[in-house]
Amino acid sequence: MMKGMFSAEYLKLKRICLLIPVISSIILVLFTCIEWYLYFRQGESGVYAGFNVMYLFLSFTMILTVSVLCSIMSETEHQAQGLKLLFSLPVNRSALYFIKAVWISILMFGCGLLIIGGTSIVWLIYTDQPLPFIFLVKQVLGCLVASIPVLAIQLFLSLRFSNQTFPMTVGIIGAISSLFLGRFSGEFLYVLPWAYPSMASPFIKGYTVWIALGAALGIILLWAGAMNYRSMAKIK
């Protein structure tokens, strides 16, 4: 049953959903290279300043990509009135909700791997300096895990509202705010989930706490969203 539902979700994926992680990773890597070359390469850190540039924009890329994927996957259901059909079938709605979240997570993991791979290739082509690969992996995957609460929020909003304008507006504002929330001196802002991705970097002392917090809160929010999704199905 679960395997069939998992396969069915894959068949419903639009081709653009497979391309978005690729496009996002390419844009981030290229933008990092351009920014570093134009503004940071003359600094004391040299080629290693590229990691600072990536840190500045990684959270924005992750959150925006998650938001777009959630909206596109949900819009497919709304346009085809697939949710009404699903609500009329004897299927586990909570499991279906989690399967959607798993597919988005898989696509985002692929995005992370592409960022790591693309950065490594550019590094090896451009310089003979040793690549801090472990640091790179921690920075990218840490940000990815810390983005799970945002994934949960965006998936809930995208499935709740048939018009994706509001969910995408929340996603864009969240992505932009992630550029600043982790850098404010007011620590009370750190409770917002959009701050976690930028705080989950090896550049930040105690960054593993934000990764763990993101994973825990993400699971809780996904569970709450699944329960609401099931009750919404009963109402429909």
Protein backbone atom coordinates (compact mmCIF):
# COMPACT_ATOMS: atom_id res chain seq x y z
CA MET A 1 0.00 0.00 0.00
CA MET A 2 2.68 2.49 1.08
CA LYS A 3 4.92 1.50 -1.81
CA GLY A 4 2.08 2.06 -4.26
CA MET A 5 1.29 5.49 -2.77
CA PHE A 6 4.98 6.40 -2.91
CA SER A 7 5.18 5.40 -6.58
CA ALA A 8 1.93 7.22 -7.37
CA GLU A 9 3.32 10.46 -5.91
CA TYR A 10 6.38 10.12 -8.10
CA LEU A 11 4.23 9.70 -11.21
CA LYS A 12 2.39 12.90 -10.32
CA LEU A 13 5.59 14.91 -10.09
CA LYS A 14 5.90 17.47 -12.84
CA ARG A 15 9.17 17.49 -14.75
CA ILE A 16 9.81 20.99 -13.44
CA CYS A 17 9.97 19.53 -9.91
CA LEU A 18 13.01 17.53 -10.99
CA LEU A 19 14.57 20.54 -12.68
CA ILE A 20 14.08 23.06 -9.87
CA PRO A 21 16.74 21.53 -7.55
CA VAL A 22 19.17 21.46 -10.48
CA ILE A 23 18.44 25.07 -11.41
CA SER A 24 18.68 26.23 -7.78
CA SER A 25 22.01 24.52 -7.19
CA ILE A 26 23.52 25.86 -10.43
CA ILE A 27 22.39 29.42 -9.67
CA LEU A 28 23.79 29.27 -6.12
CA VAL A 29 27.17 27.88 -7.21
CA LEU A 30 27.52 30.37 -10.06
CA PHE A 31 26.38 33.29 -7.93
CA THR A 32 28.83 32.28 -5.19
CA CYS A 33 31.67 32.16 -7.71
CA ILE A 34 30.76 35.54 -9.23
CA GLU A 35 30.35 37.28 -5.87
CA TRP A 36 33.62 35.84 -4.60
CA TYR A 37 35.52 36.80 -7.74
CA LEU A 38 34.19 40.36 -7.81
CA TYR A 39 34.31 41.26 -4.12
CA PHE A 40 36.06 38.72 -1.88
CA ARG A 41 39.01 37.13 -3.69
CA GLN A 42 41.45 39.88 -2.68
CA GLY A 43 40.77 39.39 1.02
CA GLU A 44 42.98 37.59 3.52
CA SER A 45 40.92 34.40 3.28
CA GLY A 46 41.51 34.11 -0.46
CA VAL A 47 39.65 31.25 -2.10
CA TYR A 48 38.25 30.13 1.25
CA ALA A 49 36.13 33.29 1.38
CA GLY A 50 33.85 31.48 -1.06
CA PHE A 51 32.39 29.60 1.89
CA ASN A 52 31.44 32.91 3.50
CA VAL A 53 29.65 33.92 0.30
CA MET A 54 27.81 30.60 0.19
CA TYR A 55 26.83 31.03 3.84
CA LEU A 56 25.23 34.37 3.01
CA PHE A 57 22.87 32.94 0.38
CA LEU A 58 22.49 29.22 1.15
CA SER A 59 19.53 29.60 3.51
CA PHE A 60 17.73 31.83 1.00
CA THR A 61 18.21 29.21 -1.73
CA MET A 62 17.04 26.32 0.44
CA ILE A 63 13.90 28.04 1.73
CA LEU A 64 12.88 29.44 -1.64
CA THR A 65 13.42 26.07 -3.36
CA VAL A 66 11.37 24.27 -0.69
CA SER A 67 8.56 26.82 -1.08
CA VAL A 68 8.46 26.47 -4.87
CA LEU A 69 8.45 22.66 -4.72
CA CYS A 70 5.63 22.59 -2.16
CA SER A 71 3.51 24.98 -4.21
CA ILE A 72 4.02 23.16 -7.51
CA MET A 73 3.28 19.73 -6.04
CA SER A 74 0.18 21.00 -4.26
CA GLU A 75 -1.04 23.03 -7.22
CA THR A 76 -1.10 19.85 -9.29
CA GLU A 77 -3.51 18.32 -6.77
CA HIS A 78 -5.72 21.42 -6.61
CA GLN A 79 -5.95 21.90 -10.37
CA ALA A 80 -6.88 18.28 -11.03
CA GLN A 81 -9.18 18.24 -7.99
CA GLY A 82 -7.07 15.31 -6.86
CA LEU A 83 -7.61 16.11 -3.20
CA LYS A 84 -11.38 15.65 -3.50
CA LEU A 85 -10.81 12.31 -5.19
CA LEU A 86 -8.33 11.21 -2.55
CA PHE A 87 -10.67 12.26 0.25
CA SER A 88 -13.33 9.97 -1.24
CA LEU A 89 -11.00 6.95 -1.28
CA PRO A 90 -10.14 4.63 1.64
CA VAL A 91 -6.50 5.73 1.84
CA ASN A 92 -4.38 6.78 4.79
CA ARG A 93 -4.39 10.57 4.45
CA SER A 94 -1.67 11.07 7.06
CA ALA A 95 0.62 8.65 5.23
CA LEU A 96 -0.08 10.45 1.98
CA TYR A 97 0.87 13.77 3.59
CA PHE A 98 4.15 12.35 4.87
CA ILE A 99 4.90 10.81 1.47
CA LYS A 100 4.60 14.25 -0.13
CA ALA A 101 6.99 15.59 2.50
CA VAL A 102 9.42 12.72 1.84
CA TRP A 103 9.45 13.40 -1.90
CA ILE A 104 10.15 17.09 -1.32
CA SER A 105 12.92 16.10 1.11
CA ILE A 106 14.43 13.77 -1.49
CA LEU A 107 14.41 16.53 -4.09
CA MET A 108 15.99 18.94 -1.61
CA PHE A 109 18.63 16.36 -0.68
CA GLY A 110 19.44 16.09 -4.38
CA CYS A 111 19.74 19.87 -4.49
CA GLY A 112 22.19 19.73 -1.58
CA LEU A 113 24.29 17.04 -3.27
CA LEU A 114 24.41 19.09 -6.47
CA ILE A 115 25.58 22.14 -4.52
CA ILE A 116 28.31 20.08 -2.86
CA GLY A 117 29.32 18.47 -6.15
CA GLY A 118 29.24 21.72 -8.12
CA THR A 119 31.27 23.58 -5.52
CA SER A 120 33.83 20.78 -5.40
CA ILE A 121 34.23 20.71 -9.19
CA VAL A 122 34.70 24.49 -9.41
CA TRP A 123 37.18 24.37 -6.53
CA LEU A 124 39.28 21.63 -8.12
CA ILE A 125 39.30 23.43 -11.47
CA TYR A 126 40.17 26.84 -10.09
CA THR A 127 42.68 26.20 -7.30
CA ASP A 128 45.13 23.68 -5.94
CA GLN A 129 44.31 24.65 -2.35
CA PRO A 130 42.94 21.75 -0.27
CA LEU A 131 39.16 21.61 -0.31
CA PRO A 132 37.60 21.55 3.19
CA PHE A 133 35.08 18.97 2.01
CA ILE A 134 33.78 18.04 5.48
CA PHE A 135 33.11 21.69 6.21
CA LEU A 136 31.27 22.02 2.90
CA VAL A 137 29.10 18.98 3.62
CA LYS A 138 28.28 20.21 7.13
CA GLN A 139 27.35 23.65 5.83
CA VAL A 140 25.03 22.43 3.07
CA LEU A 141 23.39 19.46 4.79
CA GLY A 142 23.14 21.30 8.10
CA CYS A 143 21.20 24.07 6.39
CA LEU A 144 19.04 21.46 4.66
CA VAL A 145 18.07 19.67 7.88
CA ALA A 146 17.40 22.97 9.64
CA SER A 147 14.97 23.84 6.82
CA ILE A 148 12.59 20.99 7.68
CA PRO A 149 10.28 23.20 9.80
CA VAL A 150 9.93 25.57 6.84
CA LEU A 151 9.14 22.58 4.61
CA ALA A 152 6.40 21.56 7.05
CA ILE A 153 4.91 25.07 7.12
CA GLN A 154 5.02 25.50 3.35
CA LEU A 155 3.53 22.07 2.64
CA PHE A 156 0.65 22.72 5.03
CA LEU A 157 -0.09 26.13 3.53
CA SER A 158 0.22 24.88 -0.05
CA LEU A 159 -2.24 22.04 0.52
CA ARG A 160 -4.57 24.19 2.60
CA PHE A 161 -4.96 26.98 0.02
CA SER A 162 -5.84 26.24 -3.59
CA ASN A 163 -4.52 29.65 -4.66
CA GLN A 164 -0.74 29.40 -4.25
CA THR A 165 -0.23 33.17 -4.05
CA PHE A 166 -0.37 33.24 -0.25
CA PRO A 167 1.89 30.20 0.36
CA MET A 168 4.46 31.54 -2.11
CA THR A 169 4.32 34.99 -0.53
CA VAL A 170 5.06 33.42 2.85
CA GLY A 171 7.88 31.41 1.28
CA ILE A 172 9.48 34.42 -0.40
CA ILE A 173 9.24 36.57 2.73
CA GLY A 174 10.66 33.70 4.77
CA ALA A 175 13.55 33.21 2.34
CA ILE A 176 14.41 36.92 2.41
CA SER A 177 14.11 37.11 6.20
CA SER A 178 16.51 34.17 6.56
CA LEU A 179 19.22 36.44 5.16
CA PHE A 180 18.89 38.68 8.22
CA LEU A 181 17.27 36.82 11.14
CA GLY A 182 20.43 34.90 12.06
CA ARG A 183 22.47 38.10 12.04
CA PHE A 184 20.28 40.20 14.34
CA SER A 185 21.50 40.77 17.86
CA GLY A 186 17.99 40.21 19.19
CA GLU A 187 18.06 36.52 20.10
CA PHE A 188 14.27 36.41 20.53
CA LEU A 189 14.07 36.30 16.73
CA TYR A 190 15.94 32.99 16.72
CA VAL A 191 12.74 31.18 17.73
CA LEU A 192 11.40 31.72 14.21
CA PRO A 193 11.98 28.63 12.02
CA TRP A 194 13.25 30.79 9.15
CA ALA A 195 16.30 31.66 11.27
CA TYR A 196 17.39 28.04 11.73
CA PRO A 197 18.95 27.44 8.28
CA SER A 198 21.33 30.39 8.58
CA MET A 199 22.19 29.44 12.16
CA ALA A 200 22.98 25.82 11.22
CA SER A 201 26.39 26.63 9.74
CA PRO A 202 29.83 25.60 11.02
CA PHE A 203 30.60 29.32 11.04
CA ILE A 204 28.22 29.63 14.02
CA LYS A 205 29.27 28.42 17.45
CA GLY A 206 26.93 25.65 18.64
CA TYR A 207 25.43 25.23 15.17
CA THR A 208 24.55 21.58 15.83
CA VAL A 209 21.91 22.75 18.31
CA TRP A 210 20.04 24.50 15.49
CA ILE A 211 20.29 21.43 13.28
CA ALA A 212 18.83 19.25 16.03
CA LEU A 213 16.16 21.84 16.82
CA GLY A 214 15.23 22.09 13.15
CA ALA A 215 14.92 18.31 12.82
CA ALA A 216 12.82 17.99 16.01
CA LEU A 217 10.51 20.92 15.28
CA GLY A 218 10.20 19.83 11.67
CA ILE A 219 8.94 16.38 12.67
CA ILE A 220 6.47 17.91 15.13
CA LEU A 221 5.12 20.35 12.54
CA LEU A 222 4.87 17.63 9.90
CA TRP A 223 2.92 15.44 12.33
CA ALA A 224 0.60 18.35 13.18
CA GLY A 225 0.12 19.07 9.49
CA ALA A 226 -0.67 15.42 8.77
CA MET A 227 -3.29 15.37 11.54
CA ASN A 228 -4.88 18.52 10.18
CA TYR A 229 -4.78 17.09 6.67
CA ARG A 230 -6.65 14.01 7.87
CA SER A 231 -9.31 16.07 9.64
CA MET A 232 -9.62 18.32 6.58
CA ALA A 233 -10.27 15.19 4.53
CA LYS A 234 -13.13 14.23 6.86
CA ILE A 235 -14.67 17.67 6.54
CA LYS A 236 -14.48 17.55 2.75
